């Protein structure tokens, strides 16, 4: 049970810091920002196992 309490306290600390930094929790806003910084890669060809 102590591990679960530790994980919850770590998650709470993370959330508190994110709020302090005014992070946006909106998933659509996150996706929009990711699109601005990451370029989609070309689809890779399927791997063929020759065994």
Protein backbone atom coordinates (compact mmCIF):
# COMPACT_ATOMS: atom_id res chain seq x y z
CA UNK A 1 0.00 0.00 0.00
CA UNK A 2 2.94 2.33 0.63
CA UNK A 3 3.97 2.12 -3.03
CA UNK A 4 0.49 3.24 -4.11
CA UNK A 5 0.62 6.17 -1.66
CA UNK A 6 4.03 7.14 -3.02
CA UNK A 7 2.79 6.97 -6.62
CA UNK A 8 -0.25 9.08 -5.77
CA UNK A 9 1.87 11.68 -4.01
CA UNK A 10 4.23 11.82 -7.01
CA UNK A 11 1.27 12.25 -9.36
CA UNK A 12 -0.14 14.97 -7.13
CA UNK A 13 3.22 16.77 -7.13
CA UNK A 14 3.37 16.54 -10.92
CA UNK A 15 -0.15 17.95 -11.28
CA UNK A 16 0.60 20.80 -8.86
CA UNK A 17 3.75 21.78 -10.77
CA UNK A 18 1.92 21.54 -14.10
CA UNK A 19 -0.76 23.90 -12.79
CA UNK A 20 1.89 26.25 -11.43
CA UNK A 21 3.48 26.36 -14.89
CA UNK A 22 0.03 26.97 -16.39
CA UNK A 23 0.13 23.82 -18.51
CA UNK A 24 -2.92 23.16 -20.65
CA UNK A 25 -4.79 19.92 -19.90
CA UNK A 26 -6.89 20.07 -23.08
CA UNK A 27 -6.10 17.09 -25.32
CA UNK A 28 -6.98 19.00 -28.51
CA UNK A 29 -4.58 21.79 -27.57
CA UNK A 30 -1.87 19.20 -26.94
CA UNK A 31 -2.41 17.57 -30.34
CA UNK A 32 -2.29 20.98 -32.03
CA UNK A 33 1.02 21.82 -30.37
CA UNK A 34 2.50 18.42 -31.26
CA UNK A 35 1.58 18.96 -34.91
CA UNK A 36 3.47 22.26 -34.84
CA UNK A 37 6.72 20.72 -33.62
CA UNK A 38 6.62 17.18 -35.05
CA UNK A 39 6.44 16.20 -38.67
CA UNK A 40 4.63 12.99 -39.51
CA UNK A 41 6.95 10.28 -40.78
CA UNK A 42 6.45 8.30 -43.92
CA UNK A 43 4.69 5.00 -43.35
CA UNK A 44 7.26 2.27 -43.10
CA UNK A 45 7.04 -0.82 -45.19
CA UNK A 46 5.92 -3.93 -43.32
CA UNK A 47 8.71 -6.03 -41.93
CA UNK A 48 8.95 -9.48 -43.50
CA UNK A 49 10.24 -12.26 -41.29
CA UNK A 50 12.28 -14.59 -43.51
CA UNK A 51 12.57 -17.41 -40.96
